[in-house]
């Protein structure tokens, strides 16, 4: 029921605010399955940069899945994302 209402976008934005602001991290990386279009859109919407594909990053059942790696630096996040 929450799909398409911006809940995940707001949650990730808040998580990044805390991670950079309160915890003082310099960098955050996330990995997303290439077929997970909603999550890919959130990462892009918030200004995370695609940094590459990690081949066979996860084993799911008997298969290995790739992952798209995104990153953002504290200096890029100072504006609170896009």
C-alpha atoms as a PDB file:
ATOM      1  CA  UNK A   1       0.000   0.000   0.000  1.00  0.00           C
ATOM      2  CA  UNK A   2       2.999   2.305   0.423  1.00  0.00           C
ATOM      3  CA  UNK A   3       4.393   1.617  -3.068  1.00  0.00           C
ATOM      4  CA  UNK A   4       4.799   4.745  -5.161  1.00  0.00           C
ATOM      5  CA  UNK A   5       4.250   7.146  -2.264  1.00  0.00           C
ATOM      6  CA  UNK A   6       7.890   8.089  -1.629  1.00  0.00           C
ATOM      7  CA  UNK A   7       8.253   6.194   1.639  1.00  0.00           C
ATOM      8  CA  UNK A   8      11.476   4.410   0.649  1.00  0.00           C
ATOM      9  CA  UNK A   9      12.943   7.608  -0.815  1.00  0.00           C
ATOM     10  CA  UNK A  10      12.279   9.525   2.405  1.00  0.00           C
ATOM     11  CA  UNK A  11      13.656   6.659   4.487  1.00  0.00           C
ATOM     12  CA  UNK A  12      16.907   6.462   2.520  1.00  0.00           C
ATOM     13  CA  UNK A  13      17.278  10.250   2.587  1.00  0.00           C
ATOM     14  CA  UNK A  14      16.896  10.239   6.386  1.00  0.00           C
ATOM     15  CA  UNK A  15      19.309   7.309   6.729  1.00  0.00           C
ATOM     16  CA  UNK A  16      21.921   9.177   4.686  1.00  0.00           C
ATOM     17  CA  UNK A  17      21.332  12.374   6.691  1.00  0.00           C
ATOM     18  CA  UNK A  18      22.033  10.465   9.919  1.00  0.00           C
ATOM     19  CA  UNK A  19      24.946   8.503   8.460  1.00  0.00           C
ATOM     20  CA  UNK A  20      26.754  11.609   7.251  1.00  0.00           C
ATOM     21  CA  UNK A  21      25.537  14.173   9.769  1.00  0.00           C
ATOM     22  CA  UNK A  22      25.339  12.398  13.100  1.00  0.00           C
ATOM     23  CA  UNK A  23      27.687   9.468  12.533  1.00  0.00           C
ATOM     24  CA  UNK A  24      30.285  11.355  10.494  1.00  0.00           C
ATOM     25  CA  UNK A  25      30.774   8.812   7.706  1.00  0.00           C
ATOM     26  CA  UNK A  26      32.584   9.983   4.576  1.00  0.00           C
ATOM     27  CA  UNK A  27      31.152   7.470   2.114  1.00  0.00           C
ATOM     28  CA  UNK A  28      28.133   5.203   1.675  1.00  0.00           C
ATOM     29  CA  UNK A  29      27.823   2.382  -0.854  1.00  0.00           C
ATOM     30  CA  UNK A  30      24.693   0.461  -1.691  1.00  0.00           C
ATOM     31  CA  UNK A  31      24.163  -2.520  -3.966  1.00  0.00           C
ATOM     32  CA  UNK A  32      20.967  -3.071  -5.895  1.00  0.00           C
ATOM     33  CA  UNK A  33      19.899  -5.947  -8.102  1.00  0.00           C
ATOM     34  CA  UNK A  34      19.847  -4.719 -11.723  1.00  0.00           C
ATOM     35  CA  UNK A  35      16.232  -5.813 -12.139  1.00  0.00           C
ATOM     36  CA  UNK A  36      15.018  -3.838  -9.126  1.00  0.00           C
ATOM     37  CA  UNK A  37      13.889  -0.793 -11.096  1.00  0.00           C
ATOM     38  CA  UNK A  38      12.150   1.029  -8.209  1.00  0.00           C
ATOM     39  CA  UNK A  39      15.266   0.862  -6.022  1.00  0.00           C
ATOM     40  CA  UNK A  40      17.517   1.921  -8.911  1.00  0.00           C
ATOM     41  CA  UNK A  41      15.248   4.927  -9.434  1.00  0.00           C
ATOM     42  CA  UNK A  42      15.481   5.894  -5.756  1.00  0.00           C
ATOM     43  CA  UNK A  43      19.282   5.789  -5.813  1.00  0.00           C
ATOM     44  CA  UNK A  44      19.370   7.967  -8.915  1.00  0.00           C
ATOM     45  CA  UNK A  45      16.702  10.339  -7.562  1.00  0.00           C
ATOM     46  CA  UNK A  46      18.793  10.958  -4.447  1.00  0.00           C
ATOM     47  CA  UNK A  47      21.921  11.631  -6.470  1.00  0.00           C
ATOM     48  CA  UNK A  48      23.897   8.483  -5.728  1.00  0.00           C
ATOM     49  CA  UNK A  49      26.419   7.760  -8.456  1.00  0.00           C
ATOM     50  CA  UNK A  50      26.481   4.400 -10.230  1.00  0.00           C
ATOM     51  CA  UNK A  51      30.007   3.059  -9.791  1.00  0.00           C
ATOM     52  CA  UNK A  52      29.856  -0.269 -11.542  1.00  0.00           C
ATOM     53  CA  UNK A  53      28.471  -3.763 -11.510  1.00  0.00           C
ATOM     54  CA  UNK A  54      29.645  -6.368  -9.018  1.00  0.00           C
ATOM     55  CA  UNK A  55      29.377  -9.590 -10.940  1.00  0.00           C
ATOM     56  CA  UNK A  56      27.870 -12.515  -9.078  1.00  0.00           C
ATOM     57  CA  UNK A  57      27.636 -10.503  -5.870  1.00  0.00           C
ATOM     58  CA  UNK A  58      24.877 -12.571  -4.242  1.00  0.00           C
ATOM     59  CA  UNK A  59      23.906 -16.189  -4.259  1.00  0.00           C
ATOM     60  CA  UNK A  60      20.140 -16.633  -4.413  1.00  0.00           C
ATOM     61  CA  UNK A  61      19.152 -20.275  -4.347  1.00  0.00           C
ATOM     62  CA  UNK A  62      21.411 -21.954  -6.865  1.00  0.00           C
ATOM     63  CA  UNK A  63      22.031 -18.784  -8.881  1.00  0.00           C
ATOM     64  CA  UNK A  64      24.488 -15.930  -8.561  1.00  0.00           C
ATOM     65  CA  UNK A  65      23.077 -12.453  -9.108  1.00  0.00           C
ATOM     66  CA  UNK A  66      24.909  -9.325 -10.168  1.00  0.00           C
ATOM     67  CA  UNK A  67      24.569  -6.082  -8.222  1.00  0.00           C
ATOM     68  CA  UNK A  68      24.776  -2.462  -9.332  1.00  0.00           C
ATOM     69  CA  UNK A  69      27.012  -0.527  -6.938  1.00  0.00           C
ATOM     70  CA  UNK A  70      26.106   3.073  -6.105  1.00  0.00           C
ATOM     71  CA  UNK A  71      28.071   5.475  -3.939  1.00  0.00           C
ATOM     72  CA  UNK A  72      27.780   8.912  -2.427  1.00  0.00           C
ATOM     73  CA  UNK A  73      30.321  10.993  -0.500  1.00  0.00           C
ATOM     74  CA  UNK A  74      29.614  13.243   2.453  1.00  0.00           C
ATOM     75  CA  UNK A  75      30.721  16.287   0.440  1.00  0.00           C
ATOM     76  CA  UNK A  76      28.168  15.391  -2.234  1.00  0.00           C
ATOM     77  CA  UNK A  77      25.408  14.893   0.326  1.00  0.00           C
ATOM     78  CA  UNK A  78      25.775  18.249   2.090  1.00  0.00           C
ATOM     79  CA  UNK A  79      22.734  19.514   0.212  1.00  0.00           C
ATOM     80  CA  UNK A  80      20.652  16.593   1.509  1.00  0.00           C
ATOM     81  CA  UNK A  81      20.393  14.891  -1.840  1.00  0.00           C
ATOM     82  CA  UNK A  82      18.320  15.934  -4.797  1.00  0.00           C
END
